[in-house]
Amino acid sequence: MITEAKFKYALKEMMAELPIEDINVTALCQKCGCHRQTFYYHYQDIYDLIAAIFLNENLAELESARSTIEALKAFVHYVKGNFTFLRATYNSAARDLTDDFIFNKLNTKFVYLWSADPSIDIKRDGCRNAARRFAHIIADEFGHCFRDPKLTPEKCSRKMNKFMDNAATILLPQIMALSKKEEGR
């Protein structure tokens, strides 16, 4: 396993047991069997490592989704599997990194899906605006889940799946209508 991957896995494991504020570079290096200089060769600090994790996170299920509902379900599945890490980063100084990660992954997928779908009948800029609005709403709802200390990964998954169903059937058509209206149709 390459050194960078060791740091990423070790940090995720440590965050399952400790708040991020209690994790330091020395403890992380001990867990990986590496020197501090090795860590600092790759990263500036723990938050730089978190940014690298988010930047390189593989969401194959989301990437292969062919519809908005599939994309939403795939992302909920990803969150369930990475709940401890995401909640810990969200409830730390890395909140912006977590928000940006969720927003960017969903926004990118929605723009891709909707721009390629002729039945949507909205220009590319309209798709971008709709995707941005919808992704912000979804990201905010995940944040709400992460702030609840009593929520388990299973409860979060059930809650978000229900929210996603409602968002797709109630909010999304309104967002799409707004985008069409902004185009002057």
Protein backbone atom coordinates (compact mmCIF):
# COMPACT_ATOMS: atom_id res chain seq x y z
CA MET A 1 0.00 0.00 0.00
CA ILE A 2 1.39 3.40 -0.86
CA THR A 3 2.16 5.82 1.95
CA GLU A 4 -0.60 8.28 1.06
CA ALA A 5 -3.20 5.50 1.17
CA LYS A 6 -1.88 4.37 4.57
CA PHE A 7 -2.42 7.86 5.96
CA LYS A 8 -5.95 8.03 4.52
CA TYR A 9 -7.03 4.65 5.90
CA ALA A 10 -5.40 5.29 9.26
CA LEU A 11 -7.09 8.67 9.62
CA LYS A 12 -10.50 7.19 8.82
CA GLU A 13 -9.93 4.41 11.38
CA MET A 14 -8.80 6.86 14.05
CA MET A 15 -11.77 9.15 13.40
CA ALA A 16 -14.10 6.24 14.16
CA GLU A 17 -12.77 6.32 17.73
CA LEU A 18 -11.58 9.89 18.35
CA PRO A 19 -12.73 13.39 17.52
CA ILE A 20 -10.57 14.91 14.82
CA GLU A 21 -9.33 17.54 17.25
CA ASP A 22 -7.75 14.75 19.34
CA ILE A 23 -5.86 13.25 16.39
CA ASN A 24 -2.37 14.55 15.82
CA VAL A 25 0.27 13.88 13.22
CA THR A 26 2.46 11.95 15.67
CA ALA A 27 -0.32 9.48 16.56
CA LEU A 28 -1.28 9.12 12.90
CA CYS A 29 2.33 8.39 11.93
CA GLN A 30 2.66 5.82 14.72
CA LYS A 31 -0.45 4.05 13.44
CA CYS A 32 1.00 3.99 9.92
CA GLY A 33 4.53 3.09 10.97
CA CYS A 34 5.88 6.21 9.25
CA HIS A 35 7.97 9.18 10.32
CA ARG A 36 6.51 12.64 10.80
CA GLN A 37 8.72 13.91 7.98
CA THR A 38 6.98 11.46 5.65
CA PHE A 39 3.61 12.90 6.59
CA TYR A 40 4.82 16.46 6.03
CA TYR A 41 6.31 15.47 2.69
CA HIS A 42 2.78 14.69 1.49
CA TYR A 43 0.53 16.99 3.55
CA GLN A 44 0.66 20.29 5.42
CA ASP A 45 -1.60 19.13 8.26
CA ILE A 46 -4.50 16.79 9.10
CA TYR A 47 -6.97 19.03 7.25
CA ASP A 48 -4.84 18.87 4.11
CA LEU A 49 -5.06 15.06 4.38
CA ILE A 50 -8.85 15.30 4.71
CA ALA A 51 -8.97 17.50 1.60
CA ALA A 52 -6.90 14.88 -0.25
CA ILE A 53 -9.29 12.15 0.87
CA PHE A 54 -12.27 14.08 -0.45
CA LEU A 55 -10.45 14.97 -3.67
CA ASN A 56 -9.58 11.36 -4.42
CA GLU A 57 -12.65 9.61 -3.01
CA ASN A 58 -14.00 7.03 -5.45
CA LEU A 59 -17.77 7.04 -5.83
CA ALA A 60 -18.13 4.46 -8.60
CA GLU A 61 -21.80 3.81 -7.81
CA LEU A 62 -22.60 7.52 -8.15
CA GLU A 63 -20.56 7.83 -11.34
CA SER A 64 -22.40 4.91 -12.95
CA ALA A 65 -25.88 6.18 -11.99
CA ARG A 66 -28.05 6.85 -15.03
CA SER A 67 -30.85 8.83 -13.42
CA THR A 68 -31.34 11.41 -10.72
CA ILE A 69 -32.95 8.88 -8.38
CA GLU A 70 -30.11 6.38 -8.93
CA ALA A 71 -27.58 9.13 -8.22
CA LEU A 72 -29.35 10.14 -5.03
CA LYS A 73 -29.63 6.55 -3.81
CA ALA A 74 -25.98 5.89 -4.69
CA PHE A 75 -24.86 8.90 -2.71
CA VAL A 76 -26.94 7.88 0.30
CA HIS A 77 -25.32 4.43 0.08
CA TYR A 78 -21.87 6.04 0.01
CA VAL A 79 -22.72 8.20 3.03
CA LYS A 80 -23.99 5.21 4.98
CA GLY A 81 -20.69 3.40 4.38
CA ASN A 82 -18.61 6.45 5.32
CA PHE A 83 -20.92 7.97 7.92
CA THR A 84 -18.45 8.15 10.80
CA PHE A 85 -15.81 9.89 8.71
CA LEU A 86 -18.26 12.32 7.10
CA ARG A 87 -19.97 13.20 10.37
CA ALA A 88 -16.64 13.69 12.14
CA THR A 89 -15.31 15.96 9.42
CA TYR A 90 -18.59 17.87 9.19
CA ASN A 91 -18.59 18.53 12.93
CA SER A 92 -15.01 19.81 12.94
CA ALA A 93 -13.07 22.66 11.43
CA ALA A 94 -13.32 20.68 8.16
CA ARG A 95 -17.06 21.42 7.79
CA ASP A 96 -16.49 23.44 4.62
CA LEU A 97 -14.51 20.58 3.08
CA THR A 98 -17.38 18.18 3.79
CA ASP A 99 -20.02 20.56 2.45
CA ASP A 100 -18.00 21.26 -0.68
CA PHE A 101 -17.41 17.55 -1.26
CA ILE A 102 -21.11 16.68 -1.06
CA PHE A 103 -22.18 19.67 -3.14
CA ASN A 104 -19.55 19.17 -5.85
CA LYS A 105 -20.14 15.45 -6.28
CA LEU A 106 -23.91 15.88 -6.59
CA ASN A 107 -23.79 19.08 -8.64
CA THR A 108 -21.41 17.53 -11.16
CA LYS A 109 -23.56 14.42 -11.52
CA PHE A 110 -26.80 16.37 -11.90
CA VAL A 111 -25.35 18.69 -14.56
CA TYR A 112 -24.07 15.67 -16.47
CA LEU A 113 -27.37 13.80 -16.27
CA TRP A 114 -29.67 16.69 -17.01
CA SER A 115 -27.59 18.20 -19.81
CA ALA A 116 -27.63 14.85 -21.61
CA ASP A 117 -31.38 14.33 -21.21
CA PRO A 118 -33.39 15.92 -24.06
CA SER A 119 -36.66 15.36 -22.20
CA ILE A 120 -35.66 17.97 -19.62
CA ASP A 121 -35.82 20.68 -22.29
CA ILE A 122 -33.63 23.17 -20.47
CA LYS A 123 -30.48 24.74 -21.89
CA ARG A 124 -27.10 23.88 -20.37
CA ASP A 125 -26.99 27.04 -18.21
CA GLY A 126 -30.47 26.26 -16.91
CA CYS A 127 -29.32 22.73 -16.06
CA ARG A 128 -26.35 24.17 -14.20
CA ASN A 129 -28.57 26.51 -12.20
CA ALA A 130 -31.04 23.74 -11.37
CA ALA A 131 -28.23 21.36 -10.40
CA ARG A 132 -26.62 23.98 -8.18
CA ARG A 133 -29.88 24.68 -6.36
CA PHE A 134 -30.79 21.02 -5.95
CA ALA A 135 -27.29 19.99 -4.83
CA HIS A 136 -27.28 22.76 -2.19
CA ILE A 137 -30.59 21.54 -0.78
CA ILE A 138 -29.35 17.94 -0.61
CA ALA A 139 -26.00 18.95 0.93
CA ASP A 140 -27.78 21.04 3.56
CA GLU A 141 -29.97 18.09 4.51
CA PHE A 142 -26.94 15.83 4.91
CA GLY A 143 -25.44 18.50 7.16
CA HIS A 144 -28.58 18.43 9.25
CA CYS A 145 -28.15 14.65 9.68
CA PHE A 146 -24.47 14.99 10.58
CA ARG A 147 -25.29 17.49 13.34
CA ASP A 148 -27.60 15.01 15.09
CA PRO A 149 -25.41 13.02 17.52
CA LYS A 150 -28.13 10.37 17.99
CA LEU A 151 -28.38 9.50 14.31
CA THR A 152 -26.86 6.16 13.32
CA PRO A 153 -25.77 5.37 9.76
CA GLU A 154 -28.90 3.26 9.29
CA LYS A 155 -31.25 5.98 10.57
CA CYS A 156 -29.48 8.59 8.46
CA SER A 157 -29.83 6.36 5.42
CA ARG A 158 -33.57 5.85 6.01
CA LYS A 159 -34.11 9.54 6.69
CA MET A 160 -32.15 10.65 3.63
CA ASN A 161 -33.79 8.10 1.31
CA LYS A 162 -37.19 9.42 2.37
CA PHE A 163 -36.00 13.00 1.92
CA MET A 164 -34.55 12.16 -1.50
CA ASP A 165 -37.82 10.64 -2.68
CA ASN A 166 -39.70 13.77 -1.61
CA ALA A 167 -37.05 16.10 -3.00
CA ALA A 168 -37.11 14.36 -6.38
CA THR A 169 -40.90 14.37 -6.66
CA ILE A 170 -41.74 17.72 -5.05
CA LEU A 171 -38.72 20.05 -5.08
CA LEU A 172 -37.00 19.05 -8.30
CA PRO A 173 -39.96 19.78 -10.61
CA GLN A 174 -40.27 23.22 -9.01
CA ILE A 175 -36.55 23.87 -9.46
CA MET A 176 -36.75 22.79 -13.10
CA ALA A 177 -39.78 25.04 -13.65
CA LEU A 178 -37.85 27.95 -12.16
CA SER A 179 -34.94 27.31 -14.52
CA LYS A 180 -37.29 27.26 -17.51
CA LYS A 181 -38.89 30.48 -16.31
CA GLU A 182 -35.46 32.11 -15.99
CA GLU A 183 -34.77 31.15 -19.62
CA GLY A 184 -37.85 33.15 -20.55
CA ARG A 185 -40.09 30.25 -21.47
